[in-house]
Each structure stands twice: as C-alpha cells, then as structure tokens.
Amino acid sequence: MHISWLGTTAIKLQTKPFDKDIIIVIDPYKPASGSFPRSLTPDIGLYTRGEKNSITLSANPYILATPGEIDAKGVLITTAEGHEENTTVIRIDTEGLSLGHLGLAKKPLTEKQLEVLTGVDILCIAVGHPDSYDAEAAVKAVNTIEPRVVIPMAFKSDNDKTAKPVDSFLKEIGSKNNEPEKKVILKKRDLPQEETEVIVLEKE
C-alpha cells in the first residue's frame, strides 16, 4: 500500500488487491490557501465531512460519504458516524492491511467508532488543526486504537497556516523519527511488532 498526504486531512492511497492498482482518495477538499490538486482520477473517493467543497474527481469513481460498509473493487470500506452531523470515520481493509482515518476528530471516540477502528494496522490522525485533537488527546486516541503505524495529518502546511506544527505531537508520543517522507510504502510483513511507529509525511 502506497500512502501520501495531500494536505489537511486529504490522504491518497494506492493499493493492489488483485491484478490492478486501485487509487483511493480521502477528503479531497479544496483548501482556502496553498497548493492542492485541481482534480484527481481515483477509483474510490471517501469523505469524512460530506462531499461539499471537494475538488473534481474525474472518471466516475465510487463515492462514499455516509456511514455504512461496502466492498468496492476488492477493497472493503467501513464507515461509522463521526461526532458531528454528516461526519464519518473510515476503515479500509486491503492487501491484508487495515487503515483507519479519523477526519477532524477532537472528542473521545464512541463505542461504535471503536468497533470499526480498534486494532487497525495504520491510523491517520489529525494533530494540529484547530478542530482536531491536541497532542495529549491525540496520543490518548492512538493508545486506545493501538495501531502499528501512526500517520499524523492536518498539521501546519501551506494549506493550514493556522494549524500547529507536528512537533508537539511527536514529543508527546515519544517519536524519535522526525524526518518527513514524501510517500510511504507499507506491507503486512514490514509492520512493526513491538512499538508503534510514527511516520511523518511531507505534503505532496
């Protein structure tokens, strides 16, 4: 699974459940400032805050923006209601890996959300945006879900100039790897077994 960060809560995944690459984009919302793709051509588009303010998604992708469960193109997607109206949290299962995406969560996770998210291999969590967890609350959420890999998002970038840098979250969680990576490729066999690994992505 290839994972890249487009800015704010926007994540792009490339997976190959069968013999063809499948592109998934999560939260491709047009930001108020900074660079961002004008359009994308994914196979699947997922939203945690509804479809309003999305960039153009070409090529007629499968769209999911409400709570539910679907199997699209060999990828199992499960969503649960978020804390606010018309919001969701997302779980994706593909290639023997599971990935959770919390959107802009800032409240303790509900039982239903934990049913969907607990034990995912990879967790994408917003850590710097004014409407997301602060560093301490983010670490609590990580410890509750217990992923193998954590990917922080929605920290300060050209899209989010009022957001806080990722540093306070890294310090709170005790991460020693602070070098941002452009894109990460994860396979089931490569997942850390003992400690949770934090991977900081450069905005693509």
C-alpha atoms as a PDB file:
ATOM      1  CA  MET A   1       0.000   0.000   0.000  1.00  0.00           C
ATOM      2  CA  HIS A   2       1.364   3.425  -1.031  1.00  0.00           C
ATOM      3  CA  ILE A   3       0.281   6.308   1.198  1.00  0.00           C
ATOM      4  CA  SER A   4       0.789  10.024   0.540  1.00  0.00           C
ATOM      5  CA  TRP A   5      -0.506  13.175   2.228  1.00  0.00           C
ATOM      6  CA  LEU A   6      -2.085  15.867   0.072  1.00  0.00           C
ATOM      7  CA  GLY A   7      -2.625  18.394   2.885  1.00  0.00           C
ATOM      8  CA  THR A   8      -5.128  18.912   5.753  1.00  0.00           C
ATOM      9  CA  THR A   9      -6.938  15.535   6.129  1.00  0.00           C
ATOM     10  CA  ALA A  10      -6.501  14.541   2.468  1.00  0.00           C
ATOM     11  CA  ILE A  11      -4.800  11.166   2.039  1.00  0.00           C
ATOM     12  CA  LYS A  12      -4.115   9.295  -1.209  1.00  0.00           C
ATOM     13  CA  LEU A  13      -3.719   5.514  -1.216  1.00  0.00           C
ATOM     14  CA  GLN A  14      -2.575   3.185  -3.948  1.00  0.00           C
ATOM     15  CA  THR A  15      -3.388  -0.468  -3.364  1.00  0.00           C
ATOM     16  CA  LYS A  16      -3.408  -3.644  -5.422  1.00  0.00           C
ATOM     17  CA  PRO A  17      -5.976  -6.092  -4.004  1.00  0.00           C
ATOM     18  CA  PHE A  18      -5.966  -8.145  -7.217  1.00  0.00           C
ATOM     19  CA  ASP A  19      -4.118  -7.564 -10.501  1.00  0.00           C
ATOM     20  CA  LYS A  20      -4.850  -3.852 -10.914  1.00  0.00           C
ATOM     21  CA  ASP A  21      -3.775  -0.773  -8.953  1.00  0.00           C
ATOM     22  CA  ILE A  22      -6.670   0.948  -7.187  1.00  0.00           C
ATOM     23  CA  ILE A  23      -6.377   4.631  -6.236  1.00  0.00           C
ATOM     24  CA  ILE A  24      -8.319   5.836  -3.193  1.00  0.00           C
ATOM     25  CA  VAL A  25      -8.535   9.459  -2.084  1.00  0.00           C
ATOM     26  CA  ILE A  26      -9.871  10.501   1.315  1.00  0.00           C
ATOM     27  CA  ASP A  27     -11.094  14.057   1.989  1.00  0.00           C
ATOM     28  CA  PRO A  28     -10.032  15.795  -1.248  1.00  0.00           C
ATOM     29  CA  TYR A  29     -11.437  19.134  -0.046  1.00  0.00           C
ATOM     30  CA  LYS A  30     -10.306  22.318  -1.771  1.00  0.00           C
ATOM     31  CA  PRO A  31      -8.256  24.280   0.787  1.00  0.00           C
ATOM     32  CA  ALA A  32      -8.603  28.028   1.322  1.00  0.00           C
ATOM     33  CA  SER A  33      -4.904  28.547   0.553  1.00  0.00           C
ATOM     34  CA  GLY A  34      -1.797  26.766  -0.669  1.00  0.00           C
ATOM     35  CA  SER A  35      -1.168  24.193  -3.371  1.00  0.00           C
ATOM     36  CA  PHE A  36      -3.528  21.275  -3.962  1.00  0.00           C
ATOM     37  CA  PRO A  37      -4.546  19.187  -6.983  1.00  0.00           C
ATOM     38  CA  ARG A  38      -7.325  20.813  -9.048  1.00  0.00           C
ATOM     39  CA  SER A  39      -8.684  17.387  -9.920  1.00  0.00           C
ATOM     40  CA  LEU A  40      -7.908  13.717  -9.341  1.00  0.00           C
ATOM     41  CA  THR A  41      -8.943  10.495 -11.063  1.00  0.00           C
ATOM     42  CA  PRO A  42      -9.304   7.930  -8.252  1.00  0.00           C
ATOM     43  CA  ASP A  43     -11.203   4.667  -8.357  1.00  0.00           C
ATOM     44  CA  ILE A  44     -12.732   5.399  -4.946  1.00  0.00           C
ATOM     45  CA  GLY A  45     -13.429   8.727  -3.208  1.00  0.00           C
ATOM     46  CA  LEU A  46     -14.145   8.828   0.527  1.00  0.00           C
ATOM     47  CA  TYR A  47     -15.240  11.769   2.668  1.00  0.00           C
ATOM     48  CA  THR A  48     -15.339  12.337   6.421  1.00  0.00           C
ATOM     49  CA  ARG A  49     -17.236  15.659   6.213  1.00  0.00           C
ATOM     50  CA  GLY A  50     -19.561  15.204   3.229  1.00  0.00           C
ATOM     51  CA  GLU A  51     -18.867  15.962  -0.418  1.00  0.00           C
ATOM     52  CA  LYS A  52     -19.265  19.755  -0.249  1.00  0.00           C
ATOM     53  CA  ASN A  53     -16.113  21.730  -1.178  1.00  0.00           C
ATOM     54  CA  SER A  54     -14.498  18.719  -2.858  1.00  0.00           C
ATOM     55  CA  ILE A  55     -12.195  19.154  -5.819  1.00  0.00           C
ATOM     56  CA  THR A  56     -13.279  17.469  -9.060  1.00  0.00           C
ATOM     57  CA  LEU A  57     -12.971  13.682  -9.034  1.00  0.00           C
ATOM     58  CA  SER A  58     -12.915  12.526 -12.657  1.00  0.00           C
ATOM     59  CA  ALA A  59     -13.521   9.084 -14.202  1.00  0.00           C
ATOM     60  CA  ASN A  60     -16.695   8.371 -12.202  1.00  0.00           C
ATOM     61  CA  PRO A  61     -15.179   6.914  -9.003  1.00  0.00           C
ATOM     62  CA  TYR A  62     -17.160   5.038  -6.370  1.00  0.00           C
ATOM     63  CA  ILE A  63     -18.070   7.614  -3.673  1.00  0.00           C
ATOM     64  CA  LEU A  64     -18.862   7.016  -0.003  1.00  0.00           C
ATOM     65  CA  ALA A  65     -19.625   9.906   2.362  1.00  0.00           C
ATOM     66  CA  THR A  66     -22.111   8.323   4.796  1.00  0.00           C
ATOM     67  CA  PRO A  67     -21.938   5.571   7.441  1.00  0.00           C
ATOM     68  CA  GLY A  68     -22.009   2.047   6.011  1.00  0.00           C
ATOM     69  CA  GLU A  69     -19.967  -0.818   4.631  1.00  0.00           C
ATOM     70  CA  ILE A  70     -19.119  -1.603   1.025  1.00  0.00           C
ATOM     71  CA  ASP A  71     -16.773  -3.818  -0.956  1.00  0.00           C
ATOM     72  CA  ALA A  72     -15.597  -1.792  -3.946  1.00  0.00           C
ATOM     73  CA  LYS A  73     -13.037  -3.125  -6.432  1.00  0.00           C
ATOM     74  CA  GLY A  74     -11.704  -5.638  -3.892  1.00  0.00           C
ATOM     75  CA  VAL A  75     -11.374  -3.038  -1.112  1.00  0.00           C
ATOM     76  CA  LEU A  76     -13.555  -3.340   2.000  1.00  0.00           C
ATOM     77  CA  ILE A  77     -14.584   0.064   3.350  1.00  0.00           C
ATOM     78  CA  THR A  78     -16.381   0.524   6.663  1.00  0.00           C
ATOM     79  CA  THR A  79     -17.525   3.918   7.946  1.00  0.00           C
ATOM     80  CA  ALA A  80     -19.120   4.930  11.238  1.00  0.00           C
ATOM     81  CA  GLU A  81     -20.815   8.135  12.305  1.00  0.00           C
ATOM     82  CA  GLY A  82     -18.470  10.880  13.436  1.00  0.00           C
ATOM     83  CA  HIS A  83     -19.075  13.202  16.382  1.00  0.00           C
ATOM     84  CA  GLU A  84     -20.705  15.970  14.339  1.00  0.00           C
ATOM     85  CA  GLU A  85     -23.664  15.765  11.971  1.00  0.00           C
ATOM     86  CA  ASN A  86     -22.800  14.444   8.494  1.00  0.00           C
ATOM     87  CA  THR A  87     -19.319  13.301   9.505  1.00  0.00           C
ATOM     88  CA  THR A  88     -17.751   9.837   9.481  1.00  0.00           C
ATOM     89  CA  VAL A  89     -14.663   7.912  10.496  1.00  0.00           C
ATOM     90  CA  ILE A  90     -13.267   5.445   7.973  1.00  0.00           C
ATOM     91  CA  ARG A  91     -11.679   1.998   7.964  1.00  0.00           C
ATOM     92  CA  ILE A  92     -10.156   0.491   4.810  1.00  0.00           C
ATOM     93  CA  ASP A  93      -9.131  -3.172   4.503  1.00  0.00           C
ATOM     94  CA  THR A  94      -6.978  -4.194   1.537  1.00  0.00           C
ATOM     95  CA  GLU A  95      -3.859  -6.304   0.836  1.00  0.00           C
ATOM     96  CA  GLY A  96      -4.149  -7.817   4.321  1.00  0.00           C
ATOM     97  CA  LEU A  97      -3.722  -4.339   5.836  1.00  0.00           C
ATOM     98  CA  SER A  98      -6.234  -2.129   7.640  1.00  0.00           C
ATOM     99  CA  LEU A  99      -6.128   1.667   7.722  1.00  0.00           C
ATOM    100  CA  GLY A 100      -8.206   4.000   9.877  1.00  0.00           C
ATOM    101  CA  HIS A 101      -8.865   7.684   9.161  1.00  0.00           C
ATOM    102  CA  LEU A 102     -10.425   9.861  11.863  1.00  0.00           C
ATOM    103  CA  GLY A 103     -11.113  13.007   9.837  1.00  0.00           C
ATOM    104  CA  LEU A 104     -11.137  16.101  12.059  1.00  0.00           C
ATOM    105  CA  ALA A 105     -11.990  14.321  15.307  1.00  0.00           C
ATOM    106  CA  LYS A 106     -11.452  16.121  18.592  1.00  0.00           C
ATOM    107  CA  LYS A 107     -13.714  14.258  21.043  1.00  0.00           C
ATOM    108  CA  PRO A 108     -13.170  10.885  22.749  1.00  0.00           C
ATOM    109  CA  LEU A 109     -14.054   8.036  20.389  1.00  0.00           C
ATOM    110  CA  THR A 110     -17.506   6.465  20.733  1.00  0.00           C
ATOM    111  CA  GLU A 111     -18.140   2.738  21.169  1.00  0.00           C
ATOM    112  CA  LYS A 112     -19.345   2.464  17.572  1.00  0.00           C
ATOM    113  CA  GLN A 113     -16.242   4.242  16.264  1.00  0.00           C
ATOM    114  CA  LEU A 114     -14.009   1.983  18.325  1.00  0.00           C
ATOM    115  CA  GLU A 115     -15.798  -1.107  16.989  1.00  0.00           C
ATOM    116  CA  VAL A 116     -14.751  -0.023  13.494  1.00  0.00           C
ATOM    117  CA  LEU A 117     -11.262   1.294  14.300  1.00  0.00           C
ATOM    118  CA  THR A 118      -9.753  -0.707  17.166  1.00  0.00           C
ATOM    119  CA  GLY A 119      -6.717  -2.690  16.081  1.00  0.00           C
ATOM    120  CA  VAL A 120      -6.225  -1.142  12.632  1.00  0.00           C
ATOM    121  CA  ASP A 121      -2.648  -1.510  11.377  1.00  0.00           C
ATOM    122  CA  ILE A 122      -2.331   2.123  10.262  1.00  0.00           C
ATOM    123  CA  LEU A 123      -4.034   5.173  11.762  1.00  0.00           C
ATOM    124  CA  CYS A 124      -4.265   8.607  10.105  1.00  0.00           C
ATOM    125  CA  ILE A 125      -4.967  11.173  12.824  1.00  0.00           C
ATOM    126  CA  ALA A 126      -5.311  14.969  12.682  1.00  0.00           C
ATOM    127  CA  VAL A 127      -2.997  16.590  15.222  1.00  0.00           C
ATOM    128  CA  GLY A 128      -2.590  20.310  14.535  1.00  0.00           C
ATOM    129  CA  HIS A 129      -5.820  21.716  13.081  1.00  0.00           C
ATOM    130  CA  PRO A 130      -7.917  23.943  15.394  1.00  0.00           C
ATOM    131  CA  ASP A 131     -10.818  21.474  15.033  1.00  0.00           C
ATOM    132  CA  SER A 132      -8.750  18.381  15.846  1.00  0.00           C
ATOM    133  CA  TYR A 133      -7.119  16.762  18.867  1.00  0.00           C
ATOM    134  CA  ASP A 134      -4.346  18.497  20.728  1.00  0.00           C
ATOM    135  CA  ALA A 135      -1.165  16.442  21.212  1.00  0.00           C
ATOM    136  CA  GLU A 136      -2.243  14.845  24.503  1.00  0.00           C
ATOM    137  CA  ALA A 137      -5.733  13.887  23.286  1.00  0.00           C
ATOM    138  CA  ALA A 138      -4.299  12.525  20.015  1.00  0.00           C
ATOM    139  CA  VAL A 139      -1.927  10.226  21.912  1.00  0.00           C
ATOM    140  CA  LYS A 140      -4.865   9.006  24.045  1.00  0.00           C
ATOM    141  CA  ALA A 141      -6.787   8.137  20.870  1.00  0.00           C
ATOM    142  CA  VAL A 142      -3.745   6.319  19.462  1.00  0.00           C
ATOM    143  CA  ASN A 143      -3.320   4.339  22.683  1.00  0.00           C
ATOM    144  CA  THR A 144      -6.998   3.355  22.620  1.00  0.00           C
ATOM    145  CA  ILE A 145      -6.924   2.145  18.992  1.00  0.00           C
ATOM    146  CA  GLU A 146      -3.440   0.559  19.237  1.00  0.00           C
ATOM    147  CA  PRO A 147      -2.320   0.764  15.588  1.00  0.00           C
ATOM    148  CA  ARG A 148       1.105  -0.459  14.411  1.00  0.00           C
ATOM    149  CA  VAL A 149       1.762   2.730  12.435  1.00  0.00           C
ATOM    150  CA  VAL A 150       0.542   6.294  13.041  1.00  0.00           C
ATOM    151  CA  ILE A 151       0.448   8.906  10.275  1.00  0.00           C
ATOM    152  CA  PRO A 152      -0.231  12.425  11.617  1.00  0.00           C
ATOM    153  CA  MET A 153      -2.087  14.833   9.322  1.00  0.00           C
ATOM    154  CA  ALA A 154      -3.729  18.295   9.347  1.00  0.00           C
ATOM    155  CA  PHE A 155      -0.691  19.909  10.952  1.00  0.00           C
ATOM    156  CA  LYS A 156       0.827  23.181   9.735  1.00  0.00           C
ATOM    157  CA  SER A 157       1.333  23.427   5.960  1.00  0.00           C
ATOM    158  CA  ASP A 158       0.664  25.953   3.192  1.00  0.00           C
ATOM    159  CA  ASN A 159      -2.970  24.748   3.296  1.00  0.00           C
ATOM    160  CA  ASP A 160      -3.215  25.113   7.086  1.00  0.00           C
ATOM    161  CA  LYS A 161      -1.192  28.120   8.195  1.00  0.00           C
ATOM    162  CA  THR A 162      -3.125  28.440  11.482  1.00  0.00           C
ATOM    163  CA  ALA A 163      -2.555  24.774  12.381  1.00  0.00           C
ATOM    164  CA  LYS A 164       0.138  23.821  14.872  1.00  0.00           C
ATOM    165  CA  PRO A 165       3.342  22.081  13.737  1.00  0.00           C
ATOM    166  CA  VAL A 166       3.587  18.316  14.173  1.00  0.00           C
ATOM    167  CA  ASP A 167       6.400  18.639  16.744  1.00  0.00           C
ATOM    168  CA  SER A 168       4.259  18.737  19.898  1.00  0.00           C
ATOM    169  CA  PHE A 169       2.505  15.504  18.894  1.00  0.00           C
ATOM    170  CA  LEU A 170       5.822  13.794  18.131  1.00  0.00           C
ATOM    171  CA  LYS A 171       7.176  14.855  21.524  1.00  0.00           C
ATOM    172  CA  GLU A 172       4.020  13.715  23.352  1.00  0.00           C
ATOM    173  CA  ILE A 173       4.028  10.279  21.692  1.00  0.00           C
ATOM    174  CA  GLY A 174       7.803   9.910  22.147  1.00  0.00           C
ATOM    175  CA  SER A 175       8.679   9.543  18.461  1.00  0.00           C
ATOM    176  CA  LYS A 176      12.358   9.776  17.590  1.00  0.00           C
ATOM    177  CA  ASN A 177      11.859   9.635  13.821  1.00  0.00           C
ATOM    178  CA  ASN A 178      11.094  13.189  12.757  1.00  0.00           C
ATOM    179  CA  GLU A 179      12.342  13.103   9.161  1.00  0.00           C
ATOM    180  CA  PRO A 180       9.361  13.598   6.819  1.00  0.00           C
ATOM    181  CA  GLU A 181       8.969  11.142   3.944  1.00  0.00           C
ATOM    182  CA  LYS A 182       7.450  12.013   0.572  1.00  0.00           C
ATOM    183  CA  LYS A 183       5.493   8.779   0.321  1.00  0.00           C
ATOM    184  CA  VAL A 184       5.469   5.587   2.343  1.00  0.00           C
ATOM    185  CA  ILE A 185       5.030   2.019   1.094  1.00  0.00           C
ATOM    186  CA  LEU A 186       3.745  -0.413   3.713  1.00  0.00           C
ATOM    187  CA  LYS A 187       3.349  -4.180   3.522  1.00  0.00           C
ATOM    188  CA  LYS A 188       1.911  -6.510   6.135  1.00  0.00           C
ATOM    189  CA  ARG A 189       5.232  -8.242   6.724  1.00  0.00           C
ATOM    190  CA  ASP A 190       7.003  -4.929   7.347  1.00  0.00           C
ATOM    191  CA  LEU A 191       4.733  -3.673  10.134  1.00  0.00           C
ATOM    192  CA  PRO A 192       6.463  -3.060  13.474  1.00  0.00           C
ATOM    193  CA  GLN A 193       5.621  -5.760  16.019  1.00  0.00           C
ATOM    194  CA  GLU A 194       6.682  -4.206  19.314  1.00  0.00           C
ATOM    195  CA  GLU A 195       6.332  -0.428  19.361  1.00  0.00           C
ATOM    196  CA  THR A 196       4.022   1.840  17.406  1.00  0.00           C
ATOM    197  CA  GLU A 197       5.905   3.632  14.620  1.00  0.00           C
ATOM    198  CA  VAL A 198       5.109   7.235  13.687  1.00  0.00           C
ATOM    199  CA  ILE A 199       5.638   8.186  10.046  1.00  0.00           C
ATOM    200  CA  VAL A 200       5.557  11.885   9.156  1.00  0.00           C
ATOM    201  CA  LEU A 201       4.734  12.554   5.514  1.00  0.00           C
ATOM    202  CA  GLU A 202       5.729  15.587   3.508  1.00  0.00           C
ATOM    203  CA  LYS A 203       2.772  17.258   1.859  1.00  0.00           C
ATOM    204  CA  GLU A 204       2.716  16.061  -1.752  1.00  0.00           C
END
